[in-house]
């Protein structure tokens, strides 16, 4: 990504969720009291790839190696 930005003389890349779907619950699926109290201020995740956080290195590694994420990125 950094090489692409340099080659195209761009300075930033932003992820864009075109579907706009957001899953219920907090990003990490935690139920501790301090997490529940701050739930309205915590980040959310999407319902589908690439906006879903599995908390699994292997799942994320495989997804990023196989799938194309450029359609979800906006370069400027």
N, C-alpha and C. Protein backbone atom coordinates (compact mmCIF):
# COMPACT_ATOMS: atom_id res chain seq x y z
N UNK A 1 0.81 -1.17 0.00
CA UNK A 1 0.00 0.00 0.00
C UNK A 1 0.87 1.26 0.00
N UNK A 2 1.90 1.24 0.83
CA UNK A 2 2.78 2.41 0.88
C UNK A 2 3.51 2.62 -0.44
N UNK A 3 3.94 1.54 -1.05
CA UNK A 3 4.61 1.64 -2.35
C UNK A 3 3.65 2.20 -3.40
N UNK A 4 2.41 1.76 -3.37
CA UNK A 4 1.41 2.26 -4.32
C UNK A 4 1.17 3.76 -4.10
N UNK A 5 1.06 4.18 -2.86
CA UNK A 5 0.87 5.60 -2.57
C UNK A 5 2.03 6.42 -3.11
N UNK A 6 3.24 5.96 -2.86
CA UNK A 6 4.42 6.70 -3.35
C UNK A 6 4.47 6.73 -4.87
N UNK A 7 4.22 5.60 -5.50
CA UNK A 7 4.30 5.52 -6.96
C UNK A 7 3.27 6.43 -7.64
N UNK A 8 2.09 6.54 -7.04
CA UNK A 8 1.02 7.36 -7.62
C UNK A 8 1.02 8.78 -7.08
N UNK A 9 2.01 9.10 -6.24
CA UNK A 9 2.15 10.43 -5.64
C UNK A 9 0.87 10.83 -4.86
N UNK A 10 0.39 9.88 -4.08
CA UNK A 10 -0.76 10.13 -3.22
C UNK A 10 -0.29 10.16 -1.78
N UNK A 11 -1.11 10.72 -0.91
CA UNK A 11 -0.68 10.89 0.48
C UNK A 11 -1.53 10.15 1.50
N UNK A 12 -2.70 9.66 1.09
CA UNK A 12 -3.54 8.97 2.10
C UNK A 12 -4.44 7.92 1.46
N UNK A 13 -4.83 7.00 2.29
CA UNK A 13 -5.77 5.96 1.90
C UNK A 13 -6.79 5.83 3.03
N UNK A 14 -8.06 5.70 2.65
CA UNK A 14 -9.14 5.65 3.63
C UNK A 14 -10.04 4.44 3.33
N UNK A 15 -10.36 3.62 4.34
CA UNK A 15 -11.30 2.53 4.11
C UNK A 15 -12.71 3.09 3.96
N UNK A 16 -13.48 2.52 3.04
CA UNK A 16 -14.84 3.00 2.78
C UNK A 16 -15.80 1.82 2.82
N UNK A 17 -16.82 1.94 3.66
CA UNK A 17 -17.85 0.90 3.79
C UNK A 17 -19.03 1.29 2.91
N UNK A 18 -19.07 0.76 1.68
CA UNK A 18 -20.13 1.11 0.74
C UNK A 18 -21.49 0.54 1.16
N UNK A 19 -21.48 -0.62 1.80
CA UNK A 19 -22.74 -1.24 2.23
C UNK A 19 -23.36 -0.56 3.42
N UNK A 20 -22.53 -0.03 4.29
CA UNK A 20 -23.02 0.70 5.45
C UNK A 20 -23.61 -0.15 6.55
N UNK A 21 -23.52 -1.47 6.47
CA UNK A 21 -24.08 -2.30 7.52
C UNK A 21 -23.12 -2.40 8.70
N UNK A 22 -23.65 -2.27 9.88
CA UNK A 22 -22.87 -2.34 11.11
C UNK A 22 -23.50 -3.38 12.02
N UNK A 23 -22.67 -4.24 12.60
CA UNK A 23 -23.16 -5.28 13.49
C UNK A 23 -23.52 -4.71 14.85
N UNK A 24 -24.43 -5.38 15.54
CA UNK A 24 -24.78 -5.00 16.90
C UNK A 24 -23.66 -5.45 17.84
N UNK A 25 -23.53 -4.77 18.95
CA UNK A 25 -22.53 -5.16 19.94
C UNK A 25 -21.20 -4.49 19.69
N UNK A 26 -20.33 -4.58 20.68
CA UNK A 26 -19.04 -3.91 20.57
C UNK A 26 -18.08 -4.69 19.70
N UNK A 27 -16.99 -4.06 19.36
CA UNK A 27 -16.01 -4.60 18.43
C UNK A 27 -15.42 -5.92 18.90
N UNK A 28 -15.19 -6.06 20.18
CA UNK A 28 -14.47 -7.23 20.67
C UNK A 28 -15.37 -8.30 21.28
N UNK A 29 -16.65 -8.04 21.41
CA UNK A 29 -17.56 -9.02 22.00
C UNK A 29 -17.36 -9.21 23.49
N UNK A 30 -16.83 -8.19 24.17
CA UNK A 30 -16.57 -8.29 25.60
C UNK A 30 -17.80 -7.87 26.41
N UNK A 31 -17.93 -8.42 27.62
CA UNK A 31 -19.09 -8.11 28.45
C UNK A 31 -18.70 -7.55 29.82
N UNK A 32 -17.45 -7.14 29.99
CA UNK A 32 -17.03 -6.56 31.26
C UNK A 32 -17.82 -5.28 31.53
N UNK A 33 -18.02 -4.96 32.81
CA UNK A 33 -18.82 -3.79 33.19
C UNK A 33 -18.35 -2.50 32.56
N UNK A 34 -17.05 -2.25 32.58
CA UNK A 34 -16.54 -0.99 32.02
C UNK A 34 -16.73 -0.95 30.50
N UNK A 35 -16.70 -2.10 29.84
CA UNK A 35 -16.94 -2.15 28.40
C UNK A 35 -18.42 -1.88 28.11
N UNK A 36 -19.30 -2.50 28.87
CA UNK A 36 -20.74 -2.31 28.67
C UNK A 36 -21.13 -0.85 28.92
N UNK A 37 -20.56 -0.22 29.93
CA UNK A 37 -20.88 1.18 30.23
C UNK A 37 -20.40 2.13 29.12
N UNK A 38 -19.33 1.77 28.46
CA UNK A 38 -18.78 2.64 27.40
C UNK A 38 -19.21 2.17 26.00
N UNK A 39 -20.13 1.23 25.93
CA UNK A 39 -20.50 0.62 24.65
C UNK A 39 -20.91 1.63 23.58
N UNK A 40 -21.58 2.69 23.98
CA UNK A 40 -22.04 3.68 22.98
C UNK A 40 -20.88 4.48 22.38
N UNK A 41 -19.70 4.40 22.99
CA UNK A 41 -18.54 5.15 22.49
C UNK A 41 -17.49 4.25 21.84
N UNK A 42 -17.69 2.96 21.86
CA UNK A 42 -16.72 2.02 21.30
C UNK A 42 -16.94 1.84 19.79
N UNK A 43 -15.87 1.50 19.07
CA UNK A 43 -16.01 1.26 17.63
C UNK A 43 -16.88 0.04 17.35
N UNK A 44 -17.50 0.02 16.19
CA UNK A 44 -18.33 -1.10 15.74
C UNK A 44 -17.63 -1.81 14.60
N UNK A 45 -18.12 -2.99 14.30
CA UNK A 45 -17.61 -3.69 13.14
C UNK A 45 -18.77 -4.00 12.20
N UNK A 46 -18.44 -4.32 10.97
CA UNK A 46 -19.46 -4.64 9.99
C UNK A 46 -19.95 -6.07 10.13
N UNK A 47 -20.97 -6.38 9.36
CA UNK A 47 -21.53 -7.74 9.39
C UNK A 47 -20.78 -8.70 8.48
N UNK A 48 -20.08 -8.16 7.47
CA UNK A 48 -19.41 -9.00 6.49
C UNK A 48 -17.97 -8.56 6.27
N UNK A 49 -17.21 -9.39 5.53
CA UNK A 49 -15.83 -9.08 5.17
C UNK A 49 -15.82 -7.81 4.34
N UNK A 50 -14.86 -6.94 4.48
CA UNK A 50 -13.68 -6.97 5.32
C UNK A 50 -13.88 -6.25 6.64
N UNK A 51 -15.09 -5.95 6.98
CA UNK A 51 -15.38 -5.15 8.17
C UNK A 51 -15.64 -6.00 9.41
N UNK A 52 -15.47 -7.30 9.29
CA UNK A 52 -15.70 -8.22 10.41
C UNK A 52 -14.37 -8.55 11.08
N UNK A 53 -14.29 -8.40 12.40
CA UNK A 53 -13.08 -8.69 13.16
C UNK A 53 -13.27 -10.03 13.86
N UNK A 54 -12.50 -11.03 13.46
CA UNK A 54 -12.65 -12.38 14.03
C UNK A 54 -11.77 -12.63 15.24
N UNK A 55 -10.84 -11.72 15.53
CA UNK A 55 -9.88 -11.92 16.62
C UNK A 55 -9.09 -13.21 16.40
N UNK A 56 -8.79 -13.53 15.15
CA UNK A 56 -8.03 -14.73 14.82
C UNK A 56 -6.96 -14.36 13.80
N UNK A 57 -5.71 -14.51 14.18
CA UNK A 57 -4.61 -14.18 13.28
C UNK A 57 -4.71 -14.99 11.99
N UNK A 58 -4.98 -16.29 12.11
CA UNK A 58 -5.02 -17.15 10.92
C UNK A 58 -6.14 -16.74 9.96
N UNK A 59 -7.34 -16.47 10.49
CA UNK A 59 -8.45 -16.05 9.61
C UNK A 59 -8.13 -14.73 8.92
N UNK A 60 -7.59 -13.78 9.67
CA UNK A 60 -7.26 -12.49 9.08
C UNK A 60 -6.12 -12.62 8.07
N UNK A 61 -5.12 -13.42 8.38
CA UNK A 61 -3.99 -13.62 7.48
C UNK A 61 -4.46 -14.22 6.15
N UNK A 62 -5.27 -15.27 6.24
CA UNK A 62 -5.79 -15.91 5.03
C UNK A 62 -6.63 -14.95 4.20
N UNK A 63 -7.49 -14.21 4.86
CA UNK A 63 -8.36 -13.27 4.15
C UNK A 63 -7.56 -12.20 3.43
N UNK A 64 -6.56 -11.66 4.09
CA UNK A 64 -5.76 -10.59 3.48
C UNK A 64 -4.85 -11.11 2.37
N UNK A 65 -4.44 -12.37 2.45
CA UNK A 65 -3.59 -12.94 1.41
C UNK A 65 -4.40 -13.32 0.17
N UNK A 66 -5.64 -13.75 0.34
CA UNK A 66 -6.45 -14.25 -0.77
C UNK A 66 -7.34 -13.18 -1.38
N UNK A 67 -7.90 -12.33 -0.57
CA UNK A 67 -8.93 -11.42 -1.03
C UNK A 67 -8.36 -10.07 -1.45
N UNK A 68 -9.09 -9.42 -2.33
CA UNK A 68 -8.72 -8.09 -2.79
C UNK A 68 -9.43 -7.07 -1.91
N UNK A 69 -8.67 -6.17 -1.31
CA UNK A 69 -9.27 -5.17 -0.44
C UNK A 69 -9.32 -3.79 -1.10
N UNK A 70 -8.70 -3.66 -2.28
CA UNK A 70 -8.66 -2.36 -2.94
C UNK A 70 -10.04 -1.77 -3.22
N UNK A 71 -11.04 -2.63 -3.43
CA UNK A 71 -12.38 -2.10 -3.70
C UNK A 71 -12.98 -1.40 -2.47
N UNK A 72 -12.36 -1.60 -1.30
CA UNK A 72 -12.84 -0.99 -0.07
C UNK A 72 -11.96 0.19 0.37
N UNK A 73 -11.02 0.58 -0.50
CA UNK A 73 -10.10 1.65 -0.15
C UNK A 73 -10.24 2.82 -1.13
N UNK A 74 -10.09 4.00 -0.60
CA UNK A 74 -10.13 5.21 -1.41
C UNK A 74 -8.78 5.91 -1.28
N UNK A 75 -8.07 6.03 -2.40
CA UNK A 75 -6.75 6.65 -2.43
C UNK A 75 -6.86 8.12 -2.81
N UNK A 76 -6.05 8.97 -2.19
CA UNK A 76 -6.02 10.41 -2.52
C UNK A 76 -4.61 10.92 -2.44
